[in-house]
Amino acid sequence: MKFTALIAIIHDKDEEQAIKVAKEAGAGSVTILNGKNIGLEEKKVFFGLTLEENVSVLLFVLPRKLSLKVMRELREKFDLDNPDNSGLAFTIPLSHVAGLDTKELHKFEDDIKTML
């Protein structure tokens, strides 16, 4: 089974909803990182302070076929193709993976069989 890392960067306020959408699409476990987003043009607020958006970075390790389905759902639900949206999602192919839960591997196998 070939695996892919799906990384989704979304608004902090949308974290729980994004995880729910991903799990409904077949994702299993997720690693959540907190970050700040500073765009190309810095936004100024009162007294010259720069506004930084808090974002959540969601990292999923998924079978390649399943990652496309999860990414499609995230793109649609969070309008990631809209340039005004600061969200982002991308995949990275993985050549070696260790440490996946065997229950999760069986779940992935079952999900992929139902997709075929």
N, C-alpha and C. Protein backbone atom coordinates (compact mmCIF):
# COMPACT_ATOMS: atom_id res chain seq x y z
N MET A 1 0.85 -1.17 0.00
CA MET A 1 0.00 0.00 0.00
C MET A 1 0.90 1.24 0.00
N LYS A 2 0.66 2.17 -0.92
CA LYS A 2 1.43 3.40 -0.99
C LYS A 2 0.76 4.46 -0.14
N PHE A 3 1.58 5.19 0.63
CA PHE A 3 1.05 6.19 1.55
C PHE A 3 1.44 7.60 1.13
N THR A 4 0.60 8.53 1.57
CA THR A 4 0.78 9.95 1.29
C THR A 4 0.55 10.72 2.58
N ALA A 5 1.32 11.78 2.77
CA ALA A 5 1.06 12.71 3.87
C ALA A 5 0.18 13.81 3.32
N LEU A 6 -0.97 13.99 3.93
CA LEU A 6 -1.88 15.08 3.57
C LEU A 6 -1.74 16.14 4.64
N ILE A 7 -1.34 17.34 4.24
CA ILE A 7 -1.19 18.45 5.16
C ILE A 7 -2.25 19.49 4.81
N ALA A 8 -3.05 19.85 5.80
CA ALA A 8 -4.08 20.86 5.61
C ALA A 8 -3.83 21.98 6.62
N ILE A 9 -3.73 23.19 6.13
CA ILE A 9 -3.55 24.37 6.98
C ILE A 9 -4.85 25.16 6.91
N ILE A 10 -5.50 25.25 8.05
CA ILE A 10 -6.82 25.87 8.07
C ILE A 10 -6.91 26.85 9.26
N HIS A 11 -7.93 27.69 9.22
CA HIS A 11 -8.15 28.62 10.33
C HIS A 11 -8.31 27.83 11.62
N ASP A 12 -7.76 28.35 12.68
CA ASP A 12 -7.82 27.71 13.99
C ASP A 12 -9.26 27.41 14.40
N LYS A 13 -10.16 28.31 14.09
CA LYS A 13 -11.56 28.14 14.48
C LYS A 13 -12.23 26.98 13.75
N ASP A 14 -11.67 26.55 12.61
CA ASP A 14 -12.25 25.48 11.80
C ASP A 14 -11.62 24.11 12.08
N GLU A 15 -10.73 24.04 13.06
CA GLU A 15 -9.97 22.81 13.31
C GLU A 15 -10.87 21.59 13.55
N GLU A 16 -11.80 21.70 14.48
CA GLU A 16 -12.65 20.56 14.82
C GLU A 16 -13.52 20.15 13.64
N GLN A 17 -14.07 21.11 12.92
CA GLN A 17 -14.90 20.81 11.76
C GLN A 17 -14.07 20.13 10.67
N ALA A 18 -12.84 20.58 10.45
CA ALA A 18 -11.98 19.98 9.42
C ALA A 18 -11.65 18.54 9.77
N ILE A 19 -11.39 18.27 11.03
CA ILE A 19 -11.10 16.90 11.46
C ILE A 19 -12.33 16.03 11.24
N LYS A 20 -13.50 16.56 11.56
CA LYS A 20 -14.75 15.81 11.37
C LYS A 20 -14.95 15.49 9.89
N VAL A 21 -14.74 16.47 9.02
CA VAL A 21 -14.91 16.27 7.57
C VAL A 21 -13.92 15.21 7.07
N ALA A 22 -12.68 15.30 7.52
CA ALA A 22 -11.65 14.35 7.09
C ALA A 22 -11.98 12.93 7.55
N LYS A 23 -12.43 12.80 8.79
CA LYS A 23 -12.77 11.47 9.31
C LYS A 23 -13.98 10.88 8.59
N GLU A 24 -14.95 11.72 8.27
CA GLU A 24 -16.12 11.24 7.52
C GLU A 24 -15.72 10.78 6.12
N ALA A 25 -14.63 11.36 5.58
CA ALA A 25 -14.14 10.97 4.25
C ALA A 25 -13.23 9.75 4.32
N GLY A 26 -12.91 9.27 5.53
CA GLY A 26 -12.12 8.05 5.66
C GLY A 26 -10.79 8.20 6.36
N ALA A 27 -10.42 9.41 6.77
CA ALA A 27 -9.14 9.60 7.46
C ALA A 27 -9.19 8.95 8.84
N GLY A 28 -8.04 8.57 9.33
CA GLY A 28 -7.94 7.98 10.66
C GLY A 28 -7.39 9.00 11.64
N SER A 29 -6.24 8.70 12.16
CA SER A 29 -5.65 9.59 13.16
C SER A 29 -5.06 10.83 12.50
N VAL A 30 -4.86 11.86 13.30
CA VAL A 30 -4.35 13.13 12.81
C VAL A 30 -3.38 13.70 13.84
N THR A 31 -2.34 14.36 13.35
CA THR A 31 -1.44 15.12 14.21
C THR A 31 -1.74 16.59 13.98
N ILE A 32 -1.93 17.33 15.08
CA ILE A 32 -2.32 18.73 14.99
C ILE A 32 -1.17 19.61 15.48
N LEU A 33 -0.77 20.55 14.66
CA LEU A 33 0.25 21.54 15.02
C LEU A 33 -0.40 22.91 15.00
N ASN A 34 -0.01 23.76 15.92
CA ASN A 34 -0.52 25.13 15.94
C ASN A 34 0.50 26.05 15.32
N GLY A 35 0.02 27.03 14.57
CA GLY A 35 0.94 27.95 13.91
C GLY A 35 0.32 29.32 13.73
N LYS A 36 1.10 30.18 13.10
CA LYS A 36 0.64 31.54 12.78
C LYS A 36 0.84 31.76 11.30
N ASN A 37 -0.08 32.46 10.70
CA ASN A 37 -0.02 32.74 9.28
C ASN A 37 0.17 34.24 9.07
N ILE A 38 1.25 34.59 8.41
CA ILE A 38 1.48 35.98 8.02
C ILE A 38 1.51 35.99 6.50
N GLY A 39 0.58 36.69 5.90
CA GLY A 39 0.46 36.72 4.45
C GLY A 39 1.56 37.52 3.78
N LEU A 40 1.50 37.59 2.47
CA LEU A 40 2.47 38.34 1.68
C LEU A 40 2.49 39.80 2.09
N GLU A 41 1.30 40.36 2.26
CA GLU A 41 1.20 41.74 2.71
C GLU A 41 0.77 41.73 4.18
N GLU A 42 1.59 42.29 5.04
CA GLU A 42 1.25 42.32 6.46
C GLU A 42 0.04 43.20 6.70
N LYS A 43 -0.82 42.75 7.57
CA LYS A 43 -2.01 43.52 7.92
C LYS A 43 -1.71 44.34 9.17
N LYS A 44 -2.05 45.59 9.12
CA LYS A 44 -1.80 46.48 10.26
C LYS A 44 -3.09 46.65 11.06
N VAL A 45 -2.95 46.70 12.35
CA VAL A 45 -4.08 46.99 13.22
C VAL A 45 -3.71 48.18 14.09
N PHE A 46 -4.43 48.39 15.16
CA PHE A 46 -4.22 49.56 16.00
C PHE A 46 -2.79 49.69 16.51
N PHE A 47 -2.32 50.90 16.58
CA PHE A 47 -1.02 51.26 17.12
C PHE A 47 0.14 50.58 16.40
N GLY A 48 -0.02 50.25 15.13
CA GLY A 48 1.06 49.69 14.34
C GLY A 48 1.36 48.23 14.60
N LEU A 49 0.54 47.55 15.38
CA LEU A 49 0.78 46.13 15.65
C LEU A 49 0.37 45.29 14.44
N THR A 50 1.12 44.23 14.15
CA THR A 50 0.82 43.36 13.02
C THR A 50 -0.11 42.24 13.47
N LEU A 51 -1.12 42.01 12.66
CA LEU A 51 -2.08 40.94 12.93
C LEU A 51 -1.57 39.64 12.36
N GLU A 52 -1.47 38.63 13.19
CA GLU A 52 -1.08 37.29 12.75
C GLU A 52 -2.26 36.37 12.97
N GLU A 53 -2.63 35.61 11.97
CA GLU A 53 -3.73 34.67 12.08
C GLU A 53 -3.25 33.38 12.72
N ASN A 54 -4.00 32.86 13.68
CA ASN A 54 -3.70 31.55 14.23
C ASN A 54 -4.28 30.49 13.30
N VAL A 55 -3.47 29.49 12.99
CA VAL A 55 -3.90 28.42 12.10
C VAL A 55 -3.60 27.07 12.75
N SER A 56 -4.28 26.06 12.27
CA SER A 56 -4.01 24.68 12.67
C SER A 56 -3.45 23.95 11.46
N VAL A 57 -2.39 23.20 11.68
CA VAL A 57 -1.80 22.38 10.64
C VAL A 57 -2.17 20.94 10.96
N LEU A 58 -2.96 20.34 10.09
CA LEU A 58 -3.43 18.97 10.29
C LEU A 58 -2.61 18.05 9.41
N LEU A 59 -1.99 17.03 10.01
CA LEU A 59 -1.15 16.10 9.29
C LEU A 59 -1.78 14.71 9.35
N PHE A 60 -2.14 14.19 8.18
CA PHE A 60 -2.72 12.85 8.06
C PHE A 60 -1.76 11.98 7.26
N VAL A 61 -1.59 10.73 7.65
CA VAL A 61 -0.88 9.75 6.84
C VAL A 61 -1.95 8.79 6.34
N LEU A 62 -2.11 8.77 5.01
CA LEU A 62 -3.22 8.04 4.40
C LEU A 62 -2.74 7.25 3.18
N PRO A 63 -3.46 6.20 2.83
CA PRO A 63 -3.21 5.57 1.54
C PRO A 63 -3.45 6.60 0.42
N ARG A 64 -2.67 6.49 -0.64
CA ARG A 64 -2.73 7.51 -1.69
C ARG A 64 -4.14 7.73 -2.23
N LYS A 65 -4.87 6.66 -2.54
CA LYS A 65 -6.22 6.82 -3.09
C LYS A 65 -7.16 7.51 -2.11
N LEU A 66 -7.03 7.18 -0.85
CA LEU A 66 -7.89 7.77 0.17
C LEU A 66 -7.55 9.24 0.40
N SER A 67 -6.27 9.60 0.27
CA SER A 67 -5.86 10.99 0.50
C SER A 67 -6.52 11.93 -0.51
N LEU A 68 -6.72 11.46 -1.73
CA LEU A 68 -7.38 12.30 -2.74
C LEU A 68 -8.83 12.57 -2.36
N LYS A 69 -9.50 11.56 -1.83
CA LYS A 69 -10.89 11.73 -1.40
C LYS A 69 -10.98 12.71 -0.24
N VAL A 70 -10.09 12.56 0.75
CA VAL A 70 -10.10 13.44 1.93
C VAL A 70 -9.78 14.88 1.50
N MET A 71 -8.78 15.03 0.63
CA MET A 71 -8.41 16.37 0.19
C MET A 71 -9.56 17.03 -0.58
N ARG A 72 -10.26 16.27 -1.41
CA ARG A 72 -11.39 16.80 -2.17
C ARG A 72 -12.46 17.33 -1.22
N GLU A 73 -12.76 16.58 -0.17
CA GLU A 73 -13.77 17.01 0.79
C GLU A 73 -13.34 18.27 1.52
N LEU A 74 -12.09 18.34 1.93
CA LEU A 74 -11.58 19.54 2.62
C LEU A 74 -11.61 20.75 1.69
N ARG A 75 -11.24 20.56 0.43
CA ARG A 75 -11.25 21.66 -0.55
C ARG A 75 -12.65 22.22 -0.71
N GLU A 76 -13.63 21.32 -0.80
CA GLU A 76 -15.01 21.77 -1.00
C GLU A 76 -15.59 22.44 0.24
N LYS A 77 -15.43 21.81 1.39
CA LYS A 77 -16.05 22.31 2.62
C LYS A 77 -15.43 23.63 3.10
N PHE A 78 -14.14 23.83 2.84
CA PHE A 78 -13.46 25.03 3.35
C PHE A 78 -13.03 25.98 2.23
N ASP A 79 -13.56 25.77 1.03
CA ASP A 79 -13.33 26.68 -0.09
C ASP A 79 -11.84 27.00 -0.27
N LEU A 80 -11.01 25.97 -0.29
CA LEU A 80 -9.57 26.18 -0.35
C LEU A 80 -9.08 26.71 -1.69
N ASP A 81 -9.89 26.62 -2.73
CA ASP A 81 -9.49 27.16 -4.04
C ASP A 81 -9.76 28.65 -4.17
N ASN A 82 -10.42 29.23 -3.18
CA ASN A 82 -10.72 30.66 -3.18
C ASN A 82 -9.46 31.43 -2.75
N PRO A 83 -8.95 32.35 -3.59
CA PRO A 83 -7.72 33.08 -3.23
C PRO A 83 -7.87 33.97 -2.00
N ASP A 84 -9.10 34.32 -1.64
CA ASP A 84 -9.31 35.14 -0.45
C ASP A 84 -9.24 34.32 0.84
N ASN A 85 -9.27 33.01 0.70
CA ASN A 85 -9.21 32.11 1.85
C ASN A 85 -7.75 31.81 2.15
N SER A 86 -7.37 31.86 3.41
CA SER A 86 -5.96 31.61 3.75
C SER A 86 -5.67 30.14 3.99
N GLY A 87 -6.62 29.26 3.68
CA GLY A 87 -6.40 27.83 3.85
C GLY A 87 -5.56 27.24 2.74
N LEU A 88 -4.97 26.08 3.02
CA LEU A 88 -4.09 25.42 2.07
C LEU A 88 -4.09 23.93 2.37
N ALA A 89 -4.04 23.11 1.33
CA ALA A 89 -3.90 21.67 1.52
C ALA A 89 -3.00 21.13 0.42
N PHE A 90 -2.15 20.19 0.77
CA PHE A 90 -1.26 19.56 -0.21
C PHE A 90 -0.87 18.18 0.28
N THR A 91 -0.36 17.37 -0.66
CA THR A 91 0.07 16.03 -0.31
C THR A 91 1.55 15.86 -0.65
N ILE A 92 2.17 14.94 0.08
CA ILE A 92 3.57 14.58 -0.15
C ILE A 92 3.63 13.06 -0.17
N PRO A 93 4.17 12.47 -1.25
CA PRO A 93 4.29 11.01 -1.26
C PRO A 93 5.31 10.53 -0.23
N LEU A 94 5.01 9.44 0.42
CA LEU A 94 5.90 8.87 1.43
C LEU A 94 6.48 7.57 0.90
N SER A 95 7.79 7.42 1.04
CA SER A 95 8.41 6.18 0.56
C SER A 95 8.53 5.13 1.66
N HIS A 96 8.67 5.55 2.90
CA HIS A 96 8.78 4.62 4.02
C HIS A 96 7.93 5.13 5.17
N VAL A 97 7.16 4.24 5.78
CA VAL A 97 6.31 4.61 6.90
C VAL A 97 6.46 3.56 7.98
N ALA A 98 6.63 4.00 9.21
CA ALA A 98 6.70 3.08 10.36
C ALA A 98 5.82 3.63 11.46
N GLY A 99 5.25 2.75 12.25
CA GLY A 99 4.51 3.17 13.42
C GLY A 99 3.01 3.32 13.24
N LEU A 100 2.46 2.93 12.09
CA LEU A 100 1.01 3.02 11.91
C LEU A 100 0.34 1.92 12.73
N ASP A 101 -0.77 2.26 13.32
CA ASP A 101 -1.56 1.33 14.12
C ASP A 101 -2.16 0.27 13.19
N THR A 102 -2.08 -1.00 13.60
CA THR A 102 -2.62 -2.07 12.75
C THR A 102 -4.13 -1.94 12.57
N LYS A 103 -4.84 -1.44 13.57
CA LYS A 103 -6.29 -1.23 13.42
C LYS A 103 -6.55 -0.21 12.31
N GLU A 104 -5.71 0.83 12.27
CA GLU A 104 -5.89 1.85 11.26
C GLU A 104 -5.59 1.29 9.86
N LEU A 105 -4.57 0.43 9.76
CA LEU A 105 -4.26 -0.19 8.48
C LEU A 105 -5.43 -1.03 7.98
N HIS A 106 -6.05 -1.80 8.87
CA HIS A 106 -7.21 -2.60 8.47
C HIS A 106 -8.38 -1.71 8.05
N LYS A 107 -8.56 -0.60 8.76
CA LYS A 107 -9.62 0.36 8.40
C LYS A 107 -9.36 0.90 6.99
N PHE A 108 -8.10 1.27 6.71
CA PHE A 108 -7.75 1.78 5.38
C PHE A 108 -8.04 0.75 4.31
N GLU A 109 -7.68 -0.51 4.56
CA GLU A 109 -7.93 -1.57 3.59
C GLU A 109 -9.43 -1.70 3.31
N ASP A 110 -10.23 -1.67 4.36
CA ASP A 110 -11.68 -1.78 4.20
C ASP A 110 -12.25 -0.58 3.44
N ASP A 111 -11.76 0.62 3.76
CA ASP A 111 -12.24 1.83 3.07
C ASP A 111 -11.90 1.79 1.59
N ILE A 112 -10.70 1.33 1.27
CA ILE A 112 -10.28 1.29 -0.14
C ILE A 112 -11.09 0.23 -0.89
N LYS A 113 -11.39 -0.89 -0.26
CA LYS A 113 -12.20 -1.92 -0.91
C LYS A 113 -13.59 -1.38 -1.24
N THR A 114 -14.15 -0.57 -0.35
CA THR A 114 -15.49 -0.02 -0.61
C THR A 114 -15.44 1.04 -1.71
N MET A 115 -14.28 1.67 -1.90
CA MET A 115 -14.14 2.68 -2.95
C MET A 115 -14.10 2.04 -4.33
N LEU A 116 -13.63 0.80 -4.41
CA LEU A 116 -13.45 0.13 -5.71
C LEU A 116 -14.73 -0.41 -6.27
